[in-house]
Amino acid sequence: MTQTRAEMFHKNLGLTRQHLLDVLAHPERFDWIPDNAYVIGLPKNDRALFEANMKLAHRLALKGDGRPIILIPEMAHRVVARKLRARVA
């Protein structure tokens, strides 16, 4: 089933909410994320949204504006930040 842009937006809004709650609870875990970074959530149980968000990360990397791209995987109702460097050939 293909998701609409509105459905993906609302799901990404949920991921953002989870991330913000984790940041508020444990700000020290996220100090390393630069202020100007693109932060992209990667859902655990939604393959279509995961792939769409990875495509977004790829498009941002190709844009080449030098801003870091941070991928935030969703894990067990908690967001854990992991820094991945975008590499464009």
Foldseek 3Di string as FASTA:
>chain_A
DDDDPVRLVVVQVVQVVQVVVQCVVPVVQVPPQDPQAAEFEAEDPDVNSNVVRVVVVLVVVVVPPPHFYWYWYDDDSHIHTDGDGDDDD
